[in-house]
Protein backbone atom coordinates (compact mmCIF):
# COMPACT_ATOMS: atom_id res chain seq x y z
CA UNK A 1 0.00 0.00 0.00
CA UNK A 2 2.81 2.40 0.90
CA UNK A 3 4.48 1.65 -2.41
CA UNK A 4 1.34 2.70 -4.34
CA UNK A 5 1.12 5.94 -2.37
CA UNK A 6 4.74 6.66 -3.29
CA UNK A 7 3.97 6.08 -6.99
CA UNK A 8 0.88 8.29 -6.76
CA UNK A 9 2.87 11.11 -5.09
CA UNK A 10 5.57 10.81 -7.74
CA UNK A 11 2.94 10.93 -10.49
CA UNK A 12 1.30 14.04 -9.05
CA UNK A 13 4.68 15.77 -8.68
CA UNK A 14 5.61 14.82 -12.26
CA UNK A 15 2.30 16.10 -13.62
CA UNK A 16 2.71 19.40 -11.76
CA UNK A 17 6.23 19.79 -13.15
CA UNK A 18 5.00 19.11 -16.69
CA UNK A 19 2.22 21.69 -16.36
CA UNK A 20 4.68 24.32 -15.07
CA UNK A 21 7.23 23.62 -17.82
CA UNK A 22 4.45 23.74 -20.42
CA UNK A 23 3.22 27.07 -19.05
CA UNK A 24 6.77 28.44 -19.13
CA UNK A 25 7.28 27.27 -22.74
CA UNK A 26 3.99 28.79 -23.92
CA UNK A 27 4.76 32.05 -22.06
CA UNK A 28 8.13 32.44 -23.81
CA UNK A 29 6.82 31.20 -27.18
CA UNK A 30 4.14 33.92 -27.09
CA UNK A 31 6.81 36.59 -26.50
CA UNK A 32 6.34 37.11 -22.74
CA UNK A 33 2.81 38.58 -22.88
CA UNK A 34 2.17 41.11 -20.13
CA UNK A 35 -0.72 43.21 -18.93
CA UNK A 36 -1.18 46.04 -16.45
CA UNK A 37 -3.45 45.65 -13.41
CA UNK A 38 -4.38 48.48 -11.03
CA UNK A 39 -3.56 47.53 -7.44
CA UNK A 40 -4.05 49.32 -4.13
CA UNK A 41 -0.84 49.52 -2.12
CA UNK A 42 -0.50 49.52 1.67
CA UNK A 43 2.56 49.60 3.91
CA UNK A 44 2.36 47.47 7.06
CA UNK A 45 4.33 48.53 10.13
CA UNK A 46 4.56 46.32 13.23
CA UNK A 47 3.74 48.00 16.54
CA UNK A 48 4.02 46.98 20.16
CA UNK A 49 1.58 44.43 21.49
CA UNK A 50 1.58 42.37 18.27
CA UNK A 51 -0.43 45.04 16.43
CA UNK A 52 0.04 46.28 12.90
CA UNK A 53 -0.55 49.74 11.48
CA UNK A 54 -1.37 50.09 7.77
CA UNK A 55 -0.51 53.16 5.69
CA UNK A 56 -2.40 53.75 2.43
CA UNK A 57 0.02 54.45 -0.42
CA UNK A 58 -2.49 54.89 -3.24
CA UNK A 59 -3.14 52.95 -6.39
CA UNK A 60 -0.73 52.14 -9.19
CA UNK A 61 -0.52 50.03 -12.30
CA UNK A 62 1.48 46.82 -11.82
CA UNK A 63 2.71 44.51 -14.60
CA UNK A 64 1.51 40.92 -14.60
CA UNK A 65 2.18 37.84 -16.72
CA UNK A 66 -0.51 36.29 -18.97
CA UNK A 67 0.19 32.77 -17.69
CA UNK A 68 -1.06 30.15 -15.24
CA UNK A 69 1.90 30.54 -12.88
CA UNK A 70 4.10 33.52 -11.93
CA UNK A 71 6.62 34.00 -14.74
CA UNK A 72 9.54 36.36 -15.30
CA UNK A 73 9.28 37.83 -11.78
CA UNK A 74 5.63 38.88 -12.20
CA UNK A 75 2.45 37.52 -10.66
CA UNK A 76 -0.06 35.84 -12.94
CA UNK A 77 -2.76 38.26 -14.13
CA UNK A 78 -5.64 36.03 -13.01
CA UNK A 79 -4.20 36.03 -9.49
CA UNK A 80 -3.53 39.78 -9.40
CA UNK A 81 -7.10 40.53 -10.59
CA UNK A 82 -8.52 38.48 -7.71
CA UNK A 83 -6.11 39.99 -5.14
CA UNK A 84 -5.91 43.73 -5.96
CA UNK A 85 -4.54 44.72 -2.52
CA UNK A 86 -0.75 44.78 -2.27
CA UNK A 87 0.93 45.11 1.11
CA UNK A 88 4.60 45.60 1.93
CA UNK A 89 6.04 44.94 5.36
CA UNK A 90 8.70 47.10 6.96
C-alpha atoms as a PDB file:
ATOM      1  CA  UNK A   1       0.000   0.000   0.000  1.00  0.00           C
ATOM      2  CA  UNK A   2       2.815   2.400   0.901  1.00  0.00           C
ATOM      3  CA  UNK A   3       4.477   1.648  -2.407  1.00  0.00           C
ATOM      4  CA  UNK A   4       1.344   2.703  -4.343  1.00  0.00           C
ATOM      5  CA  UNK A   5       1.119   5.936  -2.369  1.00  0.00           C
ATOM      6  CA  UNK A   6       4.737   6.665  -3.294  1.00  0.00           C
ATOM      7  CA  UNK A   7       3.967   6.075  -6.988  1.00  0.00           C
ATOM      8  CA  UNK A   8       0.885   8.293  -6.759  1.00  0.00           C
ATOM      9  CA  UNK A   9       2.865  11.107  -5.093  1.00  0.00           C
ATOM     10  CA  UNK A  10       5.571  10.812  -7.735  1.00  0.00           C
ATOM     11  CA  UNK A  11       2.936  10.931 -10.494  1.00  0.00           C
ATOM     12  CA  UNK A  12       1.298  14.042  -9.046  1.00  0.00           C
ATOM     13  CA  UNK A  13       4.678  15.774  -8.679  1.00  0.00           C
ATOM     14  CA  UNK A  14       5.607  14.822 -12.257  1.00  0.00           C
ATOM     15  CA  UNK A  15       2.300  16.098 -13.625  1.00  0.00           C
ATOM     16  CA  UNK A  16       2.705  19.400 -11.759  1.00  0.00           C
ATOM     17  CA  UNK A  17       6.232  19.786 -13.147  1.00  0.00           C
ATOM     18  CA  UNK A  18       4.999  19.105 -16.692  1.00  0.00           C
ATOM     19  CA  UNK A  19       2.221  21.694 -16.364  1.00  0.00           C
ATOM     20  CA  UNK A  20       4.677  24.315 -15.068  1.00  0.00           C
ATOM     21  CA  UNK A  21       7.232  23.620 -17.815  1.00  0.00           C
ATOM     22  CA  UNK A  22       4.453  23.743 -20.420  1.00  0.00           C
ATOM     23  CA  UNK A  23       3.217  27.069 -19.046  1.00  0.00           C
ATOM     24  CA  UNK A  24       6.771  28.440 -19.134  1.00  0.00           C
ATOM     25  CA  UNK A  25       7.276  27.266 -22.735  1.00  0.00           C
ATOM     26  CA  UNK A  26       3.991  28.791 -23.922  1.00  0.00           C
ATOM     27  CA  UNK A  27       4.764  32.046 -22.064  1.00  0.00           C
ATOM     28  CA  UNK A  28       8.127  32.443 -23.808  1.00  0.00           C
ATOM     29  CA  UNK A  29       6.817  31.202 -27.182  1.00  0.00           C
ATOM     30  CA  UNK A  30       4.137  33.915 -27.090  1.00  0.00           C
ATOM     31  CA  UNK A  31       6.809  36.587 -26.504  1.00  0.00           C
ATOM     32  CA  UNK A  32       6.343  37.106 -22.744  1.00  0.00           C
ATOM     33  CA  UNK A  33       2.815  38.576 -22.878  1.00  0.00           C
ATOM     34  CA  UNK A  34       2.173  41.111 -20.134  1.00  0.00           C
ATOM     35  CA  UNK A  35      -0.718  43.207 -18.933  1.00  0.00           C
ATOM     36  CA  UNK A  36      -1.177  46.042 -16.445  1.00  0.00           C
ATOM     37  CA  UNK A  37      -3.454  45.655 -13.406  1.00  0.00           C
ATOM     38  CA  UNK A  38      -4.375  48.480 -11.028  1.00  0.00           C
ATOM     39  CA  UNK A  39      -3.562  47.533  -7.435  1.00  0.00           C
ATOM     40  CA  UNK A  40      -4.051  49.319  -4.130  1.00  0.00           C
ATOM     41  CA  UNK A  41      -0.843  49.523  -2.115  1.00  0.00           C
ATOM     42  CA  UNK A  42      -0.498  49.516   1.667  1.00  0.00           C
ATOM     43  CA  UNK A  43       2.556  49.599   3.913  1.00  0.00           C
ATOM     44  CA  UNK A  44       2.356  47.468   7.063  1.00  0.00           C
ATOM     45  CA  UNK A  45       4.328  48.534  10.132  1.00  0.00           C
ATOM     46  CA  UNK A  46       4.555  46.315  13.228  1.00  0.00           C
ATOM     47  CA  UNK A  47       3.742  47.998  16.536  1.00  0.00           C
ATOM     48  CA  UNK A  48       4.022  46.984  20.162  1.00  0.00           C
ATOM     49  CA  UNK A  49       1.577  44.429  21.493  1.00  0.00           C
ATOM     50  CA  UNK A  50       1.581  42.368  18.268  1.00  0.00           C
ATOM     51  CA  UNK A  51      -0.430  45.035  16.435  1.00  0.00           C
ATOM     52  CA  UNK A  52       0.042  46.281  12.895  1.00  0.00           C
ATOM     53  CA  UNK A  53      -0.554  49.737  11.480  1.00  0.00           C
ATOM     54  CA  UNK A  54      -1.366  50.092   7.771  1.00  0.00           C
ATOM     55  CA  UNK A  55      -0.512  53.158   5.686  1.00  0.00           C
ATOM     56  CA  UNK A  56      -2.404  53.748   2.431  1.00  0.00           C
ATOM     57  CA  UNK A  57       0.016  54.449  -0.421  1.00  0.00           C
ATOM     58  CA  UNK A  58      -2.491  54.892  -3.243  1.00  0.00           C
ATOM     59  CA  UNK A  59      -3.135  52.947  -6.394  1.00  0.00           C
ATOM     60  CA  UNK A  60      -0.732  52.141  -9.190  1.00  0.00           C
ATOM     61  CA  UNK A  61      -0.516  50.028 -12.298  1.00  0.00           C
ATOM     62  CA  UNK A  62       1.477  46.819 -11.815  1.00  0.00           C
ATOM     63  CA  UNK A  63       2.712  44.510 -14.596  1.00  0.00           C
ATOM     64  CA  UNK A  64       1.509  40.923 -14.603  1.00  0.00           C
ATOM     65  CA  UNK A  65       2.175  37.839 -16.725  1.00  0.00           C
ATOM     66  CA  UNK A  66      -0.511  36.293 -18.968  1.00  0.00           C
ATOM     67  CA  UNK A  67       0.194  32.770 -17.695  1.00  0.00           C
ATOM     68  CA  UNK A  68      -1.057  30.149 -15.242  1.00  0.00           C
ATOM     69  CA  UNK A  69       1.904  30.535 -12.878  1.00  0.00           C
ATOM     70  CA  UNK A  70       4.102  33.518 -11.934  1.00  0.00           C
ATOM     71  CA  UNK A  71       6.616  33.996 -14.741  1.00  0.00           C
ATOM     72  CA  UNK A  72       9.542  36.365 -15.303  1.00  0.00           C
ATOM     73  CA  UNK A  73       9.283  37.829 -11.785  1.00  0.00           C
ATOM     74  CA  UNK A  74       5.631  38.879 -12.199  1.00  0.00           C
ATOM     75  CA  UNK A  75       2.446  37.520 -10.658  1.00  0.00           C
ATOM     76  CA  UNK A  76      -0.059  35.837 -12.940  1.00  0.00           C
ATOM     77  CA  UNK A  77      -2.761  38.262 -14.130  1.00  0.00           C
ATOM     78  CA  UNK A  78      -5.637  36.031 -13.014  1.00  0.00           C
ATOM     79  CA  UNK A  79      -4.196  36.032  -9.486  1.00  0.00           C
ATOM     80  CA  UNK A  80      -3.528  39.777  -9.396  1.00  0.00           C
ATOM     81  CA  UNK A  81      -7.095  40.530 -10.591  1.00  0.00           C
ATOM     82  CA  UNK A  82      -8.523  38.477  -7.714  1.00  0.00           C
ATOM     83  CA  UNK A  83      -6.115  39.990  -5.145  1.00  0.00           C
ATOM     84  CA  UNK A  84      -5.908  43.733  -5.956  1.00  0.00           C
ATOM     85  CA  UNK A  85      -4.535  44.725  -2.519  1.00  0.00           C
ATOM     86  CA  UNK A  86      -0.753  44.784  -2.273  1.00  0.00           C
ATOM     87  CA  UNK A  87       0.931  45.106   1.106  1.00  0.00           C
ATOM     88  CA  UNK A  88       4.599  45.603   1.933  1.00  0.00           C
ATOM     89  CA  UNK A  89       6.040  44.937   5.362  1.00  0.00           C
ATOM     90  CA  UNK A  90       8.700  47.098   6.962  1.00  0.00           C
END
